[in-house]
Amino acid sequence: MSNRRVIVKNWYSVTKLNGSFVLADVKHDKDTGAVSYPTVAIYSSELKLISDLINLMVKRAIFLKRVNNTNELLKEINHCGELCQTAMNKINNVEG
């Protein structure tokens, strides 16, 4: 069983726990500097986790105005997909 936390874009964390994947926000307390990880969702499917994580990251990038046109959108989707693949490789290597 792994409970290693992998941070993605400093916005989300992914943990594998008892065969499930836990997606959490990364929250920083402005006063104390403490970091907390409130759970967003728990997934039994790696593919569903990756799909939702890419969606959440792209939506946030659009909200923050880091994506302003379709070319930037495609680049952001690809970048987020690569980040997810890297995160899953780290998590799954711990399991192996």
N, C-alpha and C. Protein backbone atom coordinates (compact mmCIF):
# COMPACT_ATOMS: atom_id res chain seq x y z
N MET A 1 0.84 -1.18 0.00
CA MET A 1 0.00 0.00 0.00
C MET A 1 0.88 1.24 0.00
N SER A 2 0.58 2.20 -0.86
CA SER A 2 1.34 3.44 -0.94
C SER A 2 0.46 4.59 -0.47
N ASN A 3 1.06 5.51 0.24
CA ASN A 3 0.35 6.75 0.53
C ASN A 3 1.23 7.93 0.14
N ARG A 4 2.09 7.73 -0.84
CA ARG A 4 2.95 8.79 -1.33
C ARG A 4 2.10 9.84 -2.04
N ARG A 5 2.35 11.08 -1.71
CA ARG A 5 1.60 12.20 -2.29
C ARG A 5 2.41 12.79 -3.43
N VAL A 6 1.78 12.94 -4.60
CA VAL A 6 2.41 13.58 -5.75
C VAL A 6 1.65 14.87 -6.02
N ILE A 7 2.38 15.98 -6.05
CA ILE A 7 1.78 17.29 -6.28
C ILE A 7 1.82 17.59 -7.78
N VAL A 8 0.68 18.05 -8.30
CA VAL A 8 0.57 18.38 -9.72
C VAL A 8 0.26 19.87 -9.85
N LYS A 9 1.17 20.61 -10.45
CA LYS A 9 1.02 22.05 -10.72
C LYS A 9 0.87 22.87 -9.44
N ASN A 10 1.23 22.31 -8.33
CA ASN A 10 1.08 22.96 -7.02
C ASN A 10 -0.38 23.32 -6.73
N TRP A 11 -1.31 22.73 -7.49
CA TRP A 11 -2.74 22.96 -7.31
C TRP A 11 -3.44 21.74 -6.73
N TYR A 12 -3.00 20.55 -7.14
CA TYR A 12 -3.66 19.30 -6.76
C TYR A 12 -2.63 18.29 -6.28
N SER A 13 -3.09 17.36 -5.47
CA SER A 13 -2.24 16.24 -5.09
C SER A 13 -2.99 14.95 -5.40
N VAL A 14 -2.20 13.93 -5.71
CA VAL A 14 -2.76 12.61 -6.00
C VAL A 14 -2.04 11.61 -5.09
N THR A 15 -2.82 10.76 -4.47
CA THR A 15 -2.30 9.72 -3.59
C THR A 15 -2.99 8.41 -3.95
N LYS A 16 -2.25 7.31 -3.87
CA LYS A 16 -2.87 6.00 -4.06
C LYS A 16 -2.98 5.35 -2.69
N LEU A 17 -4.19 4.95 -2.35
CA LEU A 17 -4.45 4.40 -1.04
C LEU A 17 -5.38 3.20 -1.17
N ASN A 18 -4.89 2.04 -0.79
CA ASN A 18 -5.69 0.81 -0.84
C ASN A 18 -6.27 0.55 -2.22
N GLY A 19 -5.49 0.83 -3.26
CA GLY A 19 -5.93 0.56 -4.62
C GLY A 19 -6.77 1.65 -5.25
N SER A 20 -7.15 2.66 -4.48
CA SER A 20 -7.92 3.79 -5.02
C SER A 20 -7.01 5.00 -5.13
N PHE A 21 -7.42 5.94 -5.96
CA PHE A 21 -6.67 7.17 -6.15
C PHE A 21 -7.43 8.31 -5.48
N VAL A 22 -6.73 9.09 -4.68
CA VAL A 22 -7.33 10.21 -3.96
C VAL A 22 -6.84 11.51 -4.58
N LEU A 23 -7.77 12.30 -5.09
CA LEU A 23 -7.46 13.61 -5.64
C LEU A 23 -7.80 14.65 -4.58
N ALA A 24 -6.85 15.55 -4.30
CA ALA A 24 -7.06 16.57 -3.28
C ALA A 24 -6.56 17.92 -3.77
N ASP A 25 -7.14 18.97 -3.23
CA ASP A 25 -6.63 20.32 -3.46
C ASP A 25 -5.38 20.51 -2.61
N VAL A 26 -4.51 21.41 -3.03
CA VAL A 26 -3.39 21.83 -2.20
C VAL A 26 -3.74 23.21 -1.68
N LYS A 27 -3.93 23.32 -0.37
CA LYS A 27 -4.32 24.59 0.25
C LYS A 27 -3.20 25.06 1.17
N HIS A 28 -2.85 26.34 1.04
CA HIS A 28 -1.81 26.95 1.86
C HIS A 28 -2.46 27.96 2.80
N ASP A 29 -2.21 27.82 4.10
CA ASP A 29 -2.72 28.78 5.07
C ASP A 29 -1.85 30.04 5.01
N LYS A 30 -2.46 31.17 4.75
CA LYS A 30 -1.71 32.42 4.58
C LYS A 30 -1.05 32.87 5.88
N ASP A 31 -1.66 32.57 7.01
CA ASP A 31 -1.12 33.02 8.30
C ASP A 31 0.00 32.12 8.81
N THR A 32 -0.23 30.82 8.79
CA THR A 32 0.74 29.90 9.39
C THR A 32 1.68 29.27 8.37
N GLY A 33 1.29 29.30 7.10
CA GLY A 33 2.10 28.64 6.07
C GLY A 33 1.86 27.14 6.00
N ALA A 34 0.96 26.65 6.84
CA ALA A 34 0.66 25.21 6.84
C ALA A 34 -0.03 24.82 5.55
N VAL A 35 0.22 23.59 5.12
CA VAL A 35 -0.39 23.06 3.90
C VAL A 35 -1.38 21.98 4.28
N SER A 36 -2.57 22.03 3.68
CA SER A 36 -3.57 20.98 3.90
C SER A 36 -4.00 20.43 2.55
N TYR A 37 -4.59 19.25 2.58
CA TYR A 37 -4.97 18.55 1.36
C TYR A 37 -6.41 18.05 1.46
N PRO A 38 -7.40 18.95 1.33
CA PRO A 38 -8.79 18.49 1.38
C PRO A 38 -9.13 17.64 0.15
N THR A 39 -9.77 16.53 0.39
CA THR A 39 -10.11 15.59 -0.68
C THR A 39 -11.16 16.18 -1.61
N VAL A 40 -10.89 16.05 -2.91
CA VAL A 40 -11.85 16.46 -3.95
C VAL A 40 -12.69 15.25 -4.35
N ALA A 41 -12.02 14.11 -4.60
CA ALA A 41 -12.72 12.91 -5.04
C ALA A 41 -11.82 11.70 -4.85
N ILE A 42 -12.44 10.52 -4.82
CA ILE A 42 -11.73 9.25 -4.75
C ILE A 42 -12.13 8.44 -5.98
N TYR A 43 -11.14 7.87 -6.66
CA TYR A 43 -11.36 7.16 -7.92
C TYR A 43 -10.86 5.72 -7.82
N SER A 44 -11.60 4.81 -8.41
CA SER A 44 -11.13 3.44 -8.56
C SER A 44 -10.45 3.25 -9.91
N SER A 45 -10.67 4.20 -10.82
CA SER A 45 -10.13 4.12 -12.18
C SER A 45 -9.09 5.22 -12.40
N GLU A 46 -7.89 4.82 -12.79
CA GLU A 46 -6.82 5.77 -13.10
C GLU A 46 -7.23 6.68 -14.25
N LEU A 47 -7.90 6.12 -15.25
CA LEU A 47 -8.31 6.89 -16.42
C LEU A 47 -9.31 7.99 -16.05
N LYS A 48 -10.27 7.68 -15.18
CA LYS A 48 -11.24 8.69 -14.75
C LYS A 48 -10.57 9.79 -13.93
N LEU A 49 -9.61 9.41 -13.10
CA LEU A 49 -8.85 10.40 -12.34
C LEU A 49 -8.13 11.35 -13.29
N ILE A 50 -7.41 10.80 -14.25
CA ILE A 50 -6.64 11.63 -15.19
C ILE A 50 -7.58 12.55 -15.97
N SER A 51 -8.70 12.03 -16.43
CA SER A 51 -9.66 12.84 -17.18
C SER A 51 -10.15 14.03 -16.35
N ASP A 52 -10.54 13.77 -15.11
CA ASP A 52 -11.02 14.86 -14.25
C ASP A 52 -9.91 15.83 -13.90
N LEU A 53 -8.72 15.33 -13.65
CA LEU A 53 -7.60 16.19 -13.28
C LEU A 53 -7.23 17.12 -14.43
N ILE A 54 -7.17 16.60 -15.64
CA ILE A 54 -6.89 17.45 -16.80
C ILE A 54 -7.98 18.52 -16.93
N ASN A 55 -9.23 18.12 -16.80
CA ASN A 55 -10.34 19.05 -16.89
C ASN A 55 -10.22 20.16 -15.84
N LEU A 56 -9.94 19.79 -14.60
CA LEU A 56 -9.82 20.79 -13.53
C LEU A 56 -8.66 21.75 -13.77
N MET A 57 -7.52 21.22 -14.21
CA MET A 57 -6.36 22.07 -14.43
C MET A 57 -6.58 23.04 -15.60
N VAL A 58 -7.21 22.55 -16.66
CA VAL A 58 -7.48 23.42 -17.82
C VAL A 58 -8.48 24.51 -17.44
N LYS A 59 -9.53 24.15 -16.71
CA LYS A 59 -10.51 25.15 -16.27
C LYS A 59 -9.84 26.22 -15.42
N ARG A 60 -8.94 25.81 -14.53
CA ARG A 60 -8.26 26.78 -13.68
C ARG A 60 -7.35 27.69 -14.51
N ALA A 61 -6.67 27.12 -15.48
CA ALA A 61 -5.79 27.93 -16.34
C ALA A 61 -6.61 28.97 -17.12
N ILE A 62 -7.80 28.58 -17.57
CA ILE A 62 -8.67 29.52 -18.28
C ILE A 62 -9.15 30.61 -17.31
N PHE A 63 -9.56 30.20 -16.12
CA PHE A 63 -10.02 31.16 -15.12
C PHE A 63 -8.92 32.17 -14.77
N LEU A 64 -7.69 31.70 -14.67
CA LEU A 64 -6.56 32.58 -14.34
C LEU A 64 -6.03 33.35 -15.55
N LYS A 65 -6.71 33.17 -16.68
CA LYS A 65 -6.35 33.85 -17.94
C LYS A 65 -4.96 33.49 -18.44
N ARG A 66 -4.55 32.25 -18.16
CA ARG A 66 -3.30 31.74 -18.71
C ARG A 66 -3.53 31.11 -20.08
N VAL A 67 -4.80 30.91 -20.41
CA VAL A 67 -5.19 30.37 -21.72
C VAL A 67 -6.19 31.35 -22.32
N ASN A 68 -5.87 31.85 -23.52
CA ASN A 68 -6.71 32.89 -24.12
C ASN A 68 -7.19 32.58 -25.53
N ASN A 69 -6.74 31.48 -26.11
CA ASN A 69 -7.19 31.12 -27.46
C ASN A 69 -7.07 29.62 -27.64
N THR A 70 -7.55 29.13 -28.77
CA THR A 70 -7.58 27.67 -28.97
C THR A 70 -6.19 27.06 -29.06
N ASN A 71 -5.22 27.76 -29.63
CA ASN A 71 -3.87 27.21 -29.68
C ASN A 71 -3.29 27.03 -28.28
N GLU A 72 -3.48 28.03 -27.43
CA GLU A 72 -3.03 27.93 -26.04
C GLU A 72 -3.79 26.83 -25.31
N LEU A 73 -5.07 26.67 -25.63
CA LEU A 73 -5.87 25.62 -25.01
C LEU A 73 -5.32 24.24 -25.35
N LEU A 74 -5.02 24.01 -26.61
CA LEU A 74 -4.46 22.71 -27.01
C LEU A 74 -3.12 22.45 -26.34
N LYS A 75 -2.28 23.47 -26.25
CA LYS A 75 -0.99 23.32 -25.57
C LYS A 75 -1.19 23.00 -24.10
N GLU A 76 -2.14 23.67 -23.46
CA GLU A 76 -2.40 23.45 -22.04
C GLU A 76 -2.94 22.04 -21.80
N ILE A 77 -3.84 21.57 -22.65
CA ILE A 77 -4.37 20.22 -22.52
C ILE A 77 -3.24 19.20 -22.62
N ASN A 78 -2.37 19.36 -23.61
CA ASN A 78 -1.24 18.44 -23.77
C ASN A 78 -0.30 18.50 -22.57
N HIS A 79 -0.02 19.71 -22.11
CA HIS A 79 0.87 19.88 -20.96
C HIS A 79 0.28 19.21 -19.71
N CYS A 80 -1.01 19.41 -19.48
CA CYS A 80 -1.66 18.80 -18.33
C CYS A 80 -1.67 17.28 -18.44
N GLY A 81 -1.87 16.77 -19.64
CA GLY A 81 -1.81 15.32 -19.86
C GLY A 81 -0.44 14.76 -19.53
N GLU A 82 0.61 15.48 -19.93
CA GLU A 82 1.98 15.05 -19.62
C GLU A 82 2.23 15.08 -18.11
N LEU A 83 1.73 16.12 -17.44
CA LEU A 83 1.89 16.20 -15.99
C LEU A 83 1.19 15.04 -15.29
N CYS A 84 0.00 14.70 -15.77
CA CYS A 84 -0.74 13.57 -15.19
C CYS A 84 0.00 12.26 -15.41
N GLN A 85 0.54 12.07 -16.60
CA GLN A 85 1.29 10.84 -16.89
C GLN A 85 2.51 10.73 -15.98
N THR A 86 3.22 11.82 -15.79
CA THR A 86 4.38 11.83 -14.90
C THR A 86 3.96 11.51 -13.46
N ALA A 87 2.87 12.11 -13.01
CA ALA A 87 2.39 11.85 -11.65
C ALA A 87 2.00 10.39 -11.48
N MET A 88 1.29 9.83 -12.46
CA MET A 88 0.88 8.43 -12.35
C MET A 88 2.08 7.49 -12.39
N ASN A 89 3.08 7.83 -13.19
CA ASN A 89 4.30 7.01 -13.22
C ASN A 89 4.96 7.00 -11.85
N LYS A 90 5.02 8.15 -11.19
CA LYS A 90 5.62 8.22 -9.85
C LYS A 90 4.83 7.38 -8.86
N ILE A 91 3.52 7.51 -8.90
CA ILE A 91 2.68 6.75 -7.96
C ILE A 91 2.78 5.26 -8.22
N ASN A 92 2.71 4.85 -9.47
CA ASN A 92 2.73 3.43 -9.79
C ASN A 92 4.09 2.80 -9.59
N ASN A 93 5.17 3.55 -9.72
CA ASN A 93 6.51 3.01 -9.44
C ASN A 93 6.66 2.68 -7.97
N VAL A 94 6.02 3.44 -7.11
CA VAL A 94 6.05 3.16 -5.68
C VAL A 94 5.37 1.83 -5.42
N GLU A 95 4.30 1.55 -6.15
CA GLU A 95 3.56 0.30 -5.97
C GLU A 95 4.35 -0.90 -6.46
N GLY A 96 5.18 -0.70 -7.48
CA GLY A 96 5.91 -1.81 -8.09
C GLY A 96 7.06 -2.19 -7.29
